[in-house]
């Protein structure tokens, strides 16, 4: 669960937008207002891993394209098939491919296309049937920390000097925000976990005929 800090500046979109809806903004293929908010797994590169890269680690190394393209040690990722390595989604528009997020943010108080008020909760219901997701969550739990990336992509104007125009994208409370601590707006994670043998389907603590 995440909560936005800014209100009435971006529109709610609970559906996935394919990459081609971003390519021609003056004649977009997008049929609804707003842009979705995605939840992703996290992948690592340059010999980094969840065990070595943490909250206070360096952002990245040498960029493929200045200033930072391709340099992140930790990147938002998805799994295209079961058993695959995490695939970096940072440049999916430039490389023109669609990536499936773990979940798309949902809100039960705002209608699709409406402006989102400040302090609105967004929830992610993770689809465990997607390739690689169960293993990703299990590995994180075994390490004592499950990590996610949240992203949304909105049109912008500007150049080398920076962006121009009005802000039309969400800001999110983080645990470092004093108001988040006071009002309980920091990101929250709710999990239902069964600990046991992968083959113990009836959860009786034994692997036998009754699990067939």
N, C-alpha and C. Protein backbone atom coordinates (compact mmCIF):
# COMPACT_ATOMS: atom_id res chain seq x y z
N UNK A 1 0.85 -1.18 0.00
CA UNK A 1 0.00 0.00 0.00
C UNK A 1 0.89 1.24 0.00
N UNK A 2 0.64 2.16 -0.92
CA UNK A 2 1.37 3.42 -0.96
C UNK A 2 0.37 4.58 -0.98
N UNK A 3 0.82 5.75 -0.57
CA UNK A 3 -0.06 6.91 -0.45
C UNK A 3 0.60 8.12 -1.10
N UNK A 4 -0.17 8.85 -1.92
CA UNK A 4 0.38 10.02 -2.61
C UNK A 4 0.33 11.27 -1.73
N UNK A 5 1.33 12.13 -1.89
CA UNK A 5 1.38 13.37 -1.10
C UNK A 5 0.73 14.54 -1.81
N UNK A 6 0.73 14.55 -3.14
CA UNK A 6 0.19 15.68 -3.89
C UNK A 6 -1.19 15.34 -4.43
N UNK A 7 -2.07 16.33 -4.45
CA UNK A 7 -3.45 16.08 -4.83
C UNK A 7 -3.89 16.84 -6.06
N UNK A 8 -4.80 16.22 -6.83
CA UNK A 8 -5.45 16.83 -7.99
C UNK A 8 -4.46 17.29 -9.07
N UNK A 9 -3.41 16.50 -9.26
CA UNK A 9 -2.44 16.82 -10.31
C UNK A 9 -2.27 15.67 -11.30
N UNK A 10 -2.70 14.47 -10.94
CA UNK A 10 -2.61 13.33 -11.87
C UNK A 10 -3.92 12.55 -11.83
N UNK A 11 -4.19 11.87 -12.93
CA UNK A 11 -5.46 11.15 -13.07
C UNK A 11 -5.26 9.65 -12.83
N UNK A 12 -6.27 9.05 -12.26
CA UNK A 12 -6.22 7.64 -11.89
C UNK A 12 -6.44 6.75 -13.11
N UNK A 13 -5.52 5.82 -13.32
CA UNK A 13 -5.64 4.84 -14.39
C UNK A 13 -5.32 3.47 -13.81
N UNK A 14 -6.31 2.60 -13.64
CA UNK A 14 -6.08 1.29 -13.03
C UNK A 14 -5.72 0.20 -14.03
N UNK A 15 -5.47 0.57 -15.29
CA UNK A 15 -5.24 -0.43 -16.33
C UNK A 15 -3.85 -0.27 -16.94
N UNK A 16 -3.37 -1.37 -17.52
CA UNK A 16 -2.04 -1.37 -18.14
C UNK A 16 -2.07 -0.60 -19.46
N UNK A 17 -1.03 0.20 -19.69
CA UNK A 17 -0.86 0.91 -20.96
C UNK A 17 0.33 0.30 -21.70
N UNK A 18 0.10 -0.18 -22.90
CA UNK A 18 1.19 -0.76 -23.68
C UNK A 18 2.20 0.32 -24.09
N UNK A 19 3.41 -0.11 -24.42
CA UNK A 19 4.48 0.86 -24.69
C UNK A 19 4.16 1.77 -25.86
N UNK A 20 3.39 1.27 -26.84
CA UNK A 20 3.13 2.08 -28.03
C UNK A 20 2.18 3.25 -27.75
N UNK A 21 1.50 3.24 -26.59
CA UNK A 21 0.64 4.39 -26.26
C UNK A 21 1.46 5.59 -25.82
N UNK A 22 2.76 5.39 -25.59
CA UNK A 22 3.64 6.49 -25.18
C UNK A 22 4.44 7.07 -26.35
N UNK A 23 4.42 6.41 -27.50
CA UNK A 23 5.36 6.77 -28.56
C UNK A 23 4.96 8.02 -29.33
N UNK A 24 3.67 8.25 -29.49
CA UNK A 24 3.21 9.41 -30.27
C UNK A 24 2.19 10.16 -29.42
N UNK A 25 2.69 11.02 -28.54
CA UNK A 25 1.81 11.64 -27.55
C UNK A 25 0.79 12.59 -28.17
N UNK A 26 1.10 13.15 -29.35
CA UNK A 26 0.14 14.03 -30.01
C UNK A 26 -0.99 13.24 -30.66
N UNK A 27 -0.76 11.95 -30.86
CA UNK A 27 -1.78 11.09 -31.46
C UNK A 27 -1.71 9.73 -30.76
N UNK A 28 -1.91 9.76 -29.45
CA UNK A 28 -1.69 8.58 -28.62
C UNK A 28 -2.72 7.50 -28.89
N UNK A 29 -2.28 6.25 -28.77
CA UNK A 29 -3.18 5.11 -28.88
C UNK A 29 -3.88 4.81 -27.56
N UNK A 30 -3.54 5.55 -26.52
CA UNK A 30 -4.16 5.34 -25.22
C UNK A 30 -5.61 5.79 -25.26
N UNK A 31 -6.51 4.92 -24.84
CA UNK A 31 -7.95 5.20 -24.95
C UNK A 31 -8.56 5.71 -23.64
N UNK A 32 -7.76 5.78 -22.57
CA UNK A 32 -8.30 6.30 -21.32
C UNK A 32 -7.35 7.34 -20.73
N UNK A 33 -7.89 8.15 -19.81
CA UNK A 33 -7.09 9.21 -19.19
C UNK A 33 -6.16 8.64 -18.12
N UNK A 34 -5.06 9.33 -17.91
CA UNK A 34 -4.15 8.95 -16.85
C UNK A 34 -3.14 7.90 -17.28
N UNK A 35 -2.21 7.61 -16.36
CA UNK A 35 -1.21 6.58 -16.56
C UNK A 35 -1.15 5.70 -15.32
N UNK A 36 -0.94 4.40 -15.49
CA UNK A 36 -0.95 3.50 -14.34
C UNK A 36 0.31 3.61 -13.49
N UNK A 37 0.21 3.12 -12.27
CA UNK A 37 1.35 3.00 -11.36
C UNK A 37 1.67 1.51 -11.22
N UNK A 38 2.92 1.14 -11.44
CA UNK A 38 3.32 -0.26 -11.51
C UNK A 38 4.14 -0.68 -10.30
N UNK A 39 4.02 -1.95 -9.95
CA UNK A 39 4.89 -2.58 -8.95
C UNK A 39 5.77 -3.60 -9.66
N UNK A 40 7.08 -3.53 -9.39
CA UNK A 40 8.05 -4.39 -10.06
C UNK A 40 8.91 -5.14 -9.05
N UNK A 41 9.51 -6.21 -9.53
CA UNK A 41 10.61 -6.84 -8.80
C UNK A 41 11.85 -5.96 -8.96
N UNK A 42 12.92 -6.31 -8.29
CA UNK A 42 14.19 -5.60 -8.42
C UNK A 42 15.27 -6.58 -8.86
N UNK A 43 16.02 -6.19 -9.87
CA UNK A 43 17.17 -6.96 -10.33
C UNK A 43 18.45 -6.19 -10.05
N UNK A 44 19.57 -6.86 -10.21
CA UNK A 44 20.86 -6.25 -9.90
C UNK A 44 21.86 -6.55 -11.00
N UNK A 45 22.87 -5.70 -11.12
CA UNK A 45 23.91 -5.90 -12.11
C UNK A 45 25.27 -5.47 -11.55
N UNK A 46 26.32 -5.70 -12.34
CA UNK A 46 27.70 -5.35 -11.95
C UNK A 46 28.08 -5.99 -10.62
N UNK A 47 27.77 -7.30 -10.51
CA UNK A 47 28.15 -8.10 -9.35
C UNK A 47 27.45 -7.68 -8.06
N UNK A 48 26.41 -6.89 -8.16
CA UNK A 48 25.61 -6.53 -6.99
C UNK A 48 24.49 -7.56 -6.81
N UNK A 49 23.96 -7.63 -5.61
CA UNK A 49 22.85 -8.53 -5.29
C UNK A 49 22.10 -7.96 -4.10
N UNK A 50 21.01 -8.61 -3.73
CA UNK A 50 20.28 -8.14 -2.56
C UNK A 50 21.15 -8.21 -1.30
N UNK A 51 22.07 -9.15 -1.28
CA UNK A 51 22.93 -9.30 -0.11
C UNK A 51 23.99 -8.20 -0.01
N UNK A 52 24.35 -7.58 -1.16
CA UNK A 52 25.44 -6.60 -1.15
C UNK A 52 24.98 -5.16 -1.35
N UNK A 53 23.82 -4.97 -1.98
CA UNK A 53 23.35 -3.62 -2.30
C UNK A 53 22.23 -3.24 -1.33
N UNK A 54 22.39 -2.10 -0.65
CA UNK A 54 21.40 -1.70 0.35
C UNK A 54 20.98 -0.26 0.21
N UNK A 55 20.27 0.21 1.21
CA UNK A 55 19.66 1.54 1.19
C UNK A 55 20.69 2.65 1.02
N UNK A 56 21.89 2.45 1.54
CA UNK A 56 22.90 3.50 1.49
C UNK A 56 24.02 3.18 0.50
N UNK A 57 23.79 2.23 -0.38
CA UNK A 57 24.80 1.89 -1.38
C UNK A 57 24.82 2.92 -2.50
N UNK A 58 25.87 2.89 -3.30
CA UNK A 58 25.98 3.79 -4.45
C UNK A 58 24.87 3.51 -5.46
N UNK A 59 24.43 4.57 -6.15
CA UNK A 59 23.35 4.46 -7.13
C UNK A 59 23.72 3.52 -8.27
N UNK A 60 24.92 3.71 -8.83
CA UNK A 60 25.30 2.90 -9.97
C UNK A 60 26.73 3.15 -10.41
N UNK A 61 27.05 2.57 -11.56
CA UNK A 61 28.40 2.69 -12.09
C UNK A 61 28.45 3.56 -13.32
N UNK A 62 29.20 3.11 -14.32
CA UNK A 62 29.38 3.87 -15.55
C UNK A 62 28.13 3.76 -16.42
N UNK A 63 27.65 4.89 -16.92
CA UNK A 63 26.42 4.91 -17.71
C UNK A 63 26.68 4.46 -19.14
N UNK A 64 25.69 3.76 -19.71
CA UNK A 64 25.74 3.44 -21.14
C UNK A 64 25.54 4.71 -21.96
N UNK A 65 24.61 5.55 -21.49
CA UNK A 65 24.34 6.85 -22.11
C UNK A 65 24.23 7.86 -20.98
N UNK A 66 24.98 8.97 -21.07
CA UNK A 66 24.93 9.99 -20.03
C UNK A 66 23.54 10.58 -19.90
N UNK A 67 23.10 10.94 -18.69
CA UNK A 67 23.92 10.90 -17.48
C UNK A 67 23.90 9.57 -16.73
N UNK A 68 22.78 8.80 -16.80
CA UNK A 68 22.71 7.61 -15.94
C UNK A 68 22.14 6.38 -16.62
N UNK A 69 21.81 6.45 -17.91
CA UNK A 69 21.13 5.32 -18.55
C UNK A 69 21.99 4.06 -18.47
N UNK A 70 21.38 3.00 -17.97
CA UNK A 70 22.05 1.71 -17.88
C UNK A 70 23.01 1.56 -16.73
N UNK A 71 23.07 2.56 -15.85
CA UNK A 71 24.09 2.53 -14.79
C UNK A 71 23.59 2.00 -13.45
N UNK A 72 22.29 1.87 -13.28
CA UNK A 72 21.76 1.49 -11.97
C UNK A 72 22.28 0.12 -11.53
N UNK A 73 22.76 0.04 -10.30
CA UNK A 73 23.11 -1.26 -9.74
C UNK A 73 21.85 -2.08 -9.44
N UNK A 74 20.79 -1.40 -9.00
CA UNK A 74 19.51 -2.05 -8.73
C UNK A 74 18.46 -1.43 -9.65
N UNK A 75 17.71 -2.26 -10.35
CA UNK A 75 16.78 -1.75 -11.35
C UNK A 75 15.42 -2.44 -11.25
N UNK A 76 14.37 -1.72 -11.66
CA UNK A 76 13.04 -2.31 -11.75
C UNK A 76 13.06 -3.40 -12.81
N UNK A 77 12.41 -4.53 -12.51
CA UNK A 77 12.55 -5.69 -13.39
C UNK A 77 11.29 -6.54 -13.43
N UNK A 78 11.21 -7.37 -14.46
CA UNK A 78 10.16 -8.38 -14.55
C UNK A 78 10.78 -9.68 -15.05
N UNK A 79 9.99 -10.75 -14.99
CA UNK A 79 10.45 -12.07 -15.43
C UNK A 79 9.61 -12.50 -16.63
N UNK A 80 10.18 -12.52 -17.83
CA UNK A 80 9.39 -12.86 -19.02
C UNK A 80 8.93 -14.31 -19.06
N UNK A 81 9.64 -15.21 -18.37
CA UNK A 81 9.23 -16.61 -18.31
C UNK A 81 9.79 -17.22 -17.03
N UNK A 82 9.20 -18.35 -16.63
CA UNK A 82 9.61 -19.01 -15.40
C UNK A 82 11.08 -19.42 -15.49
N UNK A 83 11.84 -19.06 -14.48
CA UNK A 83 13.25 -19.42 -14.45
C UNK A 83 14.17 -18.41 -15.10
N UNK A 84 13.61 -17.33 -15.66
CA UNK A 84 14.44 -16.33 -16.34
C UNK A 84 15.12 -15.43 -15.32
N UNK A 85 16.21 -14.81 -15.75
CA UNK A 85 16.82 -13.76 -14.95
C UNK A 85 15.92 -12.52 -14.99
N UNK A 86 15.99 -11.65 -13.99
CA UNK A 86 15.20 -10.41 -14.03
C UNK A 86 15.64 -9.52 -15.19
N UNK A 87 14.67 -9.00 -15.93
CA UNK A 87 14.95 -8.16 -17.10
C UNK A 87 14.69 -6.70 -16.74
N UNK A 88 15.65 -5.85 -17.02
CA UNK A 88 15.56 -4.42 -16.73
C UNK A 88 14.49 -3.77 -17.60
N UNK A 89 13.53 -3.08 -16.98
CA UNK A 89 12.44 -2.45 -17.74
C UNK A 89 12.66 -0.95 -17.93
N UNK A 90 13.80 -0.44 -17.49
CA UNK A 90 14.02 1.01 -17.46
C UNK A 90 13.87 1.67 -18.83
N UNK A 91 14.26 0.95 -19.89
CA UNK A 91 14.24 1.53 -21.23
C UNK A 91 13.28 0.79 -22.16
N UNK A 92 12.15 0.32 -21.60
CA UNK A 92 11.25 -0.47 -22.44
C UNK A 92 10.61 0.36 -23.56
N UNK A 93 10.50 1.68 -23.39
CA UNK A 93 9.97 2.50 -24.48
C UNK A 93 10.99 2.64 -25.60
N UNK A 94 12.22 2.92 -25.24
CA UNK A 94 13.28 3.06 -26.24
C UNK A 94 13.51 1.75 -26.98
N UNK A 95 13.45 0.64 -26.25
CA UNK A 95 13.67 -0.67 -26.86
C UNK A 95 12.38 -1.28 -27.39
N UNK A 96 11.27 -0.62 -27.14
CA UNK A 96 9.95 -0.97 -27.68
C UNK A 96 9.54 -2.40 -27.34
N UNK A 97 9.40 -2.66 -26.04
CA UNK A 97 8.84 -3.94 -25.61
C UNK A 97 7.92 -3.69 -24.42
N UNK A 98 6.94 -4.57 -24.28
CA UNK A 98 6.02 -4.49 -23.15
C UNK A 98 6.49 -5.41 -22.04
N UNK A 99 6.44 -4.92 -20.83
CA UNK A 99 6.84 -5.70 -19.66
C UNK A 99 5.65 -5.82 -18.72
N UNK A 100 5.48 -6.99 -18.13
CA UNK A 100 4.35 -7.22 -17.24
C UNK A 100 4.73 -6.92 -15.80
N UNK A 101 4.10 -5.93 -15.18
CA UNK A 101 4.42 -5.62 -13.78
C UNK A 101 3.86 -6.68 -12.84
N UNK A 102 4.37 -6.70 -11.61
CA UNK A 102 3.83 -7.60 -10.61
C UNK A 102 2.38 -7.26 -10.28
N UNK A 103 2.06 -5.97 -10.34
CA UNK A 103 0.70 -5.51 -10.06
C UNK A 103 0.56 -4.07 -10.53
N UNK A 104 -0.68 -3.63 -10.71
CA UNK A 104 -1.01 -2.24 -11.04
C UNK A 104 -1.79 -1.64 -9.88
N UNK A 105 -1.42 -0.44 -9.48
CA UNK A 105 -2.03 0.20 -8.31
C UNK A 105 -3.53 0.40 -8.51
N UNK A 106 -4.29 0.08 -7.46
CA UNK A 106 -5.74 0.21 -7.47
C UNK A 106 -6.19 1.11 -6.32
N UNK A 107 -7.26 1.86 -6.58
CA UNK A 107 -7.84 2.73 -5.57
C UNK A 107 -9.35 2.57 -5.62
N UNK A 108 -9.98 2.37 -4.47
CA UNK A 108 -11.42 2.09 -4.46
C UNK A 108 -12.28 3.31 -4.16
N UNK A 109 -11.68 4.51 -4.13
CA UNK A 109 -12.45 5.72 -3.86
C UNK A 109 -12.44 6.72 -5.01
N UNK A 110 -11.58 6.51 -5.99
CA UNK A 110 -11.46 7.42 -7.13
C UNK A 110 -11.85 6.67 -8.40
N UNK A 111 -12.66 7.29 -9.24
CA UNK A 111 -13.06 6.67 -10.49
C UNK A 111 -11.96 6.81 -11.53
N UNK A 112 -11.83 5.84 -12.43
CA UNK A 112 -10.83 5.94 -13.49
C UNK A 112 -10.98 7.24 -14.28
N UNK A 113 -9.88 7.92 -14.50
CA UNK A 113 -9.88 9.17 -15.24
C UNK A 113 -10.03 10.40 -14.38
N UNK A 114 -10.42 10.23 -13.10
CA UNK A 114 -10.57 11.37 -12.21
C UNK A 114 -9.23 11.80 -11.63
N UNK A 115 -9.15 13.09 -11.25
CA UNK A 115 -7.98 13.58 -10.53
C UNK A 115 -7.94 12.94 -9.14
N UNK A 116 -6.75 12.59 -8.69
CA UNK A 116 -6.59 11.87 -7.42
C UNK A 116 -6.33 12.86 -6.29
N UNK A 117 -7.14 12.85 -5.23
CA UNK A 117 -6.89 13.73 -4.08
C UNK A 117 -5.61 13.33 -3.35
N UNK A 118 -5.06 14.26 -2.59
CA UNK A 118 -3.90 13.94 -1.75
C UNK A 118 -4.28 12.91 -0.70
N UNK A 119 -3.29 12.16 -0.24
CA UNK A 119 -3.44 11.18 0.83
C UNK A 119 -4.39 10.05 0.45
N UNK A 120 -4.34 9.66 -0.82
CA UNK A 120 -5.15 8.53 -1.29
C UNK A 120 -4.30 7.26 -1.27
N UNK A 121 -4.88 6.19 -0.74
CA UNK A 121 -4.17 4.91 -0.68
C UNK A 121 -4.31 4.15 -1.99
N UNK A 122 -3.19 3.59 -2.44
CA UNK A 122 -3.17 2.71 -3.60
C UNK A 122 -2.66 1.34 -3.16
N UNK A 123 -3.35 0.30 -3.59
CA UNK A 123 -2.96 -1.05 -3.20
C UNK A 123 -2.49 -1.83 -4.42
N UNK A 124 -1.59 -2.77 -4.18
CA UNK A 124 -1.09 -3.68 -5.21
C UNK A 124 -1.43 -5.11 -4.79
N UNK A 125 -2.18 -5.81 -5.62
CA UNK A 125 -2.51 -7.21 -5.37
C UNK A 125 -1.64 -8.05 -6.30
N UNK A 126 -0.59 -8.65 -5.78
CA UNK A 126 0.40 -9.34 -6.60
C UNK A 126 -0.17 -10.64 -7.15
N UNK A 127 0.01 -10.84 -8.45
CA UNK A 127 -0.43 -12.06 -9.12
C UNK A 127 0.66 -13.12 -8.99
N UNK A 128 0.45 -14.10 -8.12
CA UNK A 128 1.47 -15.12 -7.88
C UNK A 128 1.60 -16.12 -9.02
N UNK A 129 0.67 -16.07 -9.97
CA UNK A 129 0.76 -16.99 -11.11
C UNK A 129 1.68 -16.47 -12.20
N UNK A 130 2.15 -15.25 -12.09
CA UNK A 130 3.07 -14.72 -13.08
C UNK A 130 4.42 -15.43 -12.98
N UNK A 131 5.13 -15.55 -14.10
CA UNK A 131 6.44 -16.21 -14.08
C UNK A 131 7.40 -15.55 -13.10
N UNK A 132 8.06 -16.37 -12.30
CA UNK A 132 9.13 -15.90 -11.43
C UNK A 132 8.73 -15.23 -10.14
N UNK A 133 7.44 -14.91 -9.96
CA UNK A 133 7.05 -14.10 -8.81
C UNK A 133 7.15 -14.89 -7.50
N UNK A 134 6.66 -16.13 -7.49
CA UNK A 134 6.73 -16.93 -6.26
C UNK A 134 8.18 -17.10 -5.80
N UNK A 135 9.06 -17.43 -6.74
CA UNK A 135 10.46 -17.61 -6.38
C UNK A 135 11.08 -16.31 -5.88
N UNK A 136 10.72 -15.20 -6.54
CA UNK A 136 11.27 -13.90 -6.13
C UNK A 136 10.87 -13.57 -4.70
N UNK A 137 9.60 -13.75 -4.37
CA UNK A 137 9.13 -13.46 -3.02
C UNK A 137 9.75 -14.41 -2.00
N UNK A 138 9.84 -15.70 -2.37
CA UNK A 138 10.42 -16.68 -1.45
C UNK A 138 11.88 -16.37 -1.15
N UNK A 139 12.63 -15.97 -2.18
CA UNK A 139 14.04 -15.63 -1.97
C UNK A 139 14.18 -14.40 -1.07
N UNK A 140 13.31 -13.41 -1.29
CA UNK A 140 13.35 -12.23 -0.44
C UNK A 140 13.04 -12.56 1.01
N UNK A 141 12.02 -13.39 1.23
CA UNK A 141 11.67 -13.78 2.59
C UNK A 141 12.81 -14.54 3.26
N UNK A 142 13.49 -15.39 2.49
CA UNK A 142 14.60 -16.16 3.07
C UNK A 142 15.75 -15.25 3.48
N UNK A 143 15.87 -14.08 2.82
CA UNK A 143 16.90 -13.11 3.17
C UNK A 143 16.43 -12.10 4.21
N UNK A 144 15.14 -12.18 4.57
CA UNK A 144 14.62 -11.29 5.60
C UNK A 144 14.12 -9.96 5.10
N UNK A 145 14.04 -9.77 3.78
CA UNK A 145 13.60 -8.48 3.23
C UNK A 145 13.07 -8.69 1.82
N UNK A 146 11.82 -8.30 1.60
CA UNK A 146 11.24 -8.36 0.26
C UNK A 146 11.29 -6.97 -0.34
N UNK A 147 11.88 -6.85 -1.51
CA UNK A 147 12.09 -5.54 -2.13
C UNK A 147 11.21 -5.37 -3.37
N UNK A 148 10.71 -4.14 -3.55
CA UNK A 148 9.90 -3.81 -4.71
C UNK A 148 10.33 -2.46 -5.28
N UNK A 149 10.00 -2.25 -6.53
CA UNK A 149 10.15 -0.93 -7.16
C UNK A 149 8.78 -0.46 -7.61
N UNK A 150 8.50 0.82 -7.43
CA UNK A 150 7.25 1.43 -7.88
C UNK A 150 7.57 2.46 -8.94
N UNK A 151 6.82 2.44 -10.05
CA UNK A 151 7.08 3.41 -11.12
C UNK A 151 5.78 3.83 -11.78
N UNK A 152 5.79 5.03 -12.33
CA UNK A 152 4.74 5.48 -13.23
C UNK A 152 5.39 6.41 -14.24
N UNK A 153 4.90 6.41 -15.45
CA UNK A 153 5.53 7.18 -16.52
C UNK A 153 4.52 8.15 -17.10
N UNK A 154 4.86 9.44 -17.06
CA UNK A 154 3.96 10.49 -17.52
C UNK A 154 4.67 11.39 -18.51
N UNK A 155 3.92 11.97 -19.43
CA UNK A 155 4.50 12.86 -20.43
C UNK A 155 5.09 14.09 -19.76
N UNK A 156 6.18 14.61 -20.35
CA UNK A 156 6.84 15.79 -19.81
C UNK A 156 7.40 16.63 -20.95
N UNK A 157 7.63 17.91 -20.66
CA UNK A 157 8.27 18.82 -21.61
C UNK A 157 9.58 19.31 -21.02
N UNK A 158 10.51 19.66 -21.89
CA UNK A 158 11.77 20.21 -21.40
C UNK A 158 12.95 19.71 -22.20
N UNK A 159 14.13 20.11 -21.78
CA UNK A 159 15.36 19.73 -22.46
C UNK A 159 16.51 19.68 -21.50
N UNK A 160 17.67 20.11 -21.96
CA UNK A 160 18.87 20.05 -21.13
C UNK A 160 18.74 20.91 -19.88
N UNK A 161 17.94 21.95 -19.94
CA UNK A 161 17.80 22.85 -18.80
C UNK A 161 16.80 22.37 -17.77
N UNK A 162 16.13 21.26 -18.04
CA UNK A 162 15.16 20.73 -17.10
C UNK A 162 13.75 20.78 -17.65
N UNK A 163 12.81 20.31 -16.86
CA UNK A 163 11.43 20.23 -17.30
C UNK A 163 10.71 21.56 -17.24
N UNK A 164 9.65 21.66 -18.02
CA UNK A 164 8.80 22.84 -18.02
C UNK A 164 7.35 22.41 -17.86
N UNK A 165 6.50 23.35 -17.49
CA UNK A 165 5.08 23.04 -17.37
C UNK A 165 4.71 22.60 -15.96
N UNK A 166 3.45 22.19 -15.81
CA UNK A 166 2.92 21.81 -14.51
C UNK A 166 3.27 20.36 -14.18
N UNK A 167 3.41 20.09 -12.89
CA UNK A 167 3.63 18.71 -12.43
C UNK A 167 2.34 17.93 -12.61
N UNK A 168 2.42 16.80 -13.30
CA UNK A 168 1.23 15.99 -13.56
C UNK A 168 1.48 14.53 -13.23
N UNK A 169 2.30 14.30 -12.21
CA UNK A 169 2.62 12.93 -11.82
C UNK A 169 2.62 12.84 -10.29
N UNK A 170 2.48 11.64 -9.74
CA UNK A 170 2.33 11.51 -8.29
C UNK A 170 3.65 11.58 -7.53
N UNK A 171 3.57 12.15 -6.32
CA UNK A 171 4.63 12.05 -5.32
C UNK A 171 4.13 11.07 -4.25
N UNK A 172 5.04 10.29 -3.68
CA UNK A 172 4.64 9.27 -2.71
C UNK A 172 5.29 9.53 -1.35
N UNK A 173 4.53 9.24 -0.30
CA UNK A 173 5.12 9.25 1.03
C UNK A 173 6.13 8.11 1.15
N UNK A 174 7.24 8.37 1.81
CA UNK A 174 8.21 7.34 2.16
C UNK A 174 8.37 7.32 3.67
N UNK A 175 9.07 6.33 4.17
CA UNK A 175 9.24 6.22 5.62
C UNK A 175 10.06 7.37 6.20
N UNK A 176 10.80 8.09 5.33
CA UNK A 176 11.60 9.22 5.80
C UNK A 176 10.78 10.48 6.00
N UNK A 177 9.55 10.52 5.47
CA UNK A 177 8.70 11.70 5.60
C UNK A 177 8.11 11.77 7.01
N UNK A 178 8.34 12.86 7.75
CA UNK A 178 7.81 12.95 9.13
C UNK A 178 6.30 12.78 9.19
N UNK A 179 5.58 13.31 8.20
CA UNK A 179 4.12 13.18 8.20
C UNK A 179 3.69 11.73 8.03
N UNK A 180 4.48 10.98 7.27
CA UNK A 180 4.16 9.57 7.07
C UNK A 180 4.22 8.81 8.39
N UNK A 181 5.18 9.18 9.21
CA UNK A 181 5.32 8.53 10.52
C UNK A 181 4.15 8.90 11.42
N UNK A 182 3.76 10.17 11.40
CA UNK A 182 2.69 10.65 12.29
C UNK A 182 1.34 10.07 11.90
N UNK A 183 1.02 10.09 10.60
CA UNK A 183 -0.32 9.71 10.14
C UNK A 183 -0.39 8.30 9.57
N UNK A 184 0.70 7.58 9.58
CA UNK A 184 0.67 6.20 9.09
C UNK A 184 0.62 6.09 7.58
N UNK A 185 1.24 7.04 6.87
CA UNK A 185 1.20 7.05 5.41
C UNK A 185 2.41 6.37 4.77
N UNK A 186 3.34 5.87 5.56
CA UNK A 186 4.50 5.20 4.98
C UNK A 186 4.04 3.95 4.23
N UNK A 187 4.78 3.51 3.23
CA UNK A 187 4.40 2.30 2.49
C UNK A 187 4.21 1.12 3.45
N UNK A 188 3.18 0.32 3.19
CA UNK A 188 2.86 -0.84 4.04
C UNK A 188 2.85 -2.10 3.21
N UNK A 189 3.23 -3.19 3.83
CA UNK A 189 3.27 -4.49 3.15
C UNK A 189 2.50 -5.50 3.98
N UNK A 190 1.54 -6.17 3.34
CA UNK A 190 0.76 -7.21 4.00
C UNK A 190 0.97 -8.51 3.25
N UNK A 191 1.41 -9.55 3.96
CA UNK A 191 1.71 -10.84 3.34
C UNK A 191 0.99 -11.96 4.08
N UNK A 192 0.53 -12.95 3.34
CA UNK A 192 0.07 -14.20 3.91
C UNK A 192 1.03 -15.28 3.44
N UNK A 193 1.78 -15.86 4.36
CA UNK A 193 2.86 -16.77 4.00
C UNK A 193 2.64 -18.13 4.66
N UNK A 194 2.81 -19.20 3.90
CA UNK A 194 2.78 -20.55 4.44
C UNK A 194 4.20 -21.09 4.43
N UNK A 195 4.68 -21.49 5.59
CA UNK A 195 6.03 -22.04 5.71
C UNK A 195 5.94 -23.56 5.76
N UNK A 196 6.67 -24.24 4.89
CA UNK A 196 6.64 -25.69 4.88
C UNK A 196 7.20 -26.24 3.59
N UNK A 197 7.03 -27.53 3.39
CA UNK A 197 7.51 -28.18 2.19
C UNK A 197 6.70 -27.71 0.98
N UNK A 198 7.36 -27.47 -0.16
CA UNK A 198 6.62 -27.06 -1.37
C UNK A 198 5.58 -28.09 -1.80
N UNK A 199 5.79 -29.37 -1.43
CA UNK A 199 4.85 -30.41 -1.83
C UNK A 199 3.75 -30.68 -0.83
N UNK A 200 3.78 -30.01 0.31
CA UNK A 200 2.78 -30.24 1.36
C UNK A 200 1.55 -29.38 1.09
N UNK A 201 0.75 -29.82 0.12
CA UNK A 201 -0.36 -28.99 -0.35
C UNK A 201 -1.48 -28.82 0.68
N UNK A 202 -1.65 -29.80 1.57
CA UNK A 202 -2.73 -29.66 2.56
C UNK A 202 -2.23 -29.10 3.89
N UNK A 203 -0.95 -28.73 3.94
CA UNK A 203 -0.37 -28.03 5.10
C UNK A 203 -0.50 -28.80 6.40
N UNK A 204 -0.38 -30.14 6.34
CA UNK A 204 -0.43 -30.92 7.58
C UNK A 204 0.95 -31.24 8.13
N UNK A 205 1.98 -30.69 7.50
CA UNK A 205 3.34 -30.90 7.97
C UNK A 205 3.99 -32.16 7.46
N UNK A 206 3.28 -32.91 6.62
CA UNK A 206 3.82 -34.15 6.07
C UNK A 206 3.63 -34.17 4.55
N UNK A 207 4.56 -34.82 3.88
CA UNK A 207 4.45 -35.01 2.43
C UNK A 207 4.08 -36.46 2.18
N UNK A 208 2.80 -36.70 1.83
CA UNK A 208 2.33 -38.07 1.68
C UNK A 208 1.22 -38.14 0.64
N UNK A 209 0.50 -39.27 0.66
CA UNK A 209 -0.54 -39.54 -0.33
C UNK A 209 -1.60 -38.44 -0.37
N UNK A 210 -1.91 -37.84 0.78
CA UNK A 210 -3.00 -36.87 0.86
C UNK A 210 -2.65 -35.54 0.19
N UNK A 211 -1.40 -35.38 -0.23
CA UNK A 211 -1.01 -34.17 -0.96
C UNK A 211 -1.14 -34.34 -2.46
N UNK A 212 -1.53 -35.54 -2.92
CA UNK A 212 -1.64 -35.79 -4.36
C UNK A 212 -2.91 -35.15 -4.89
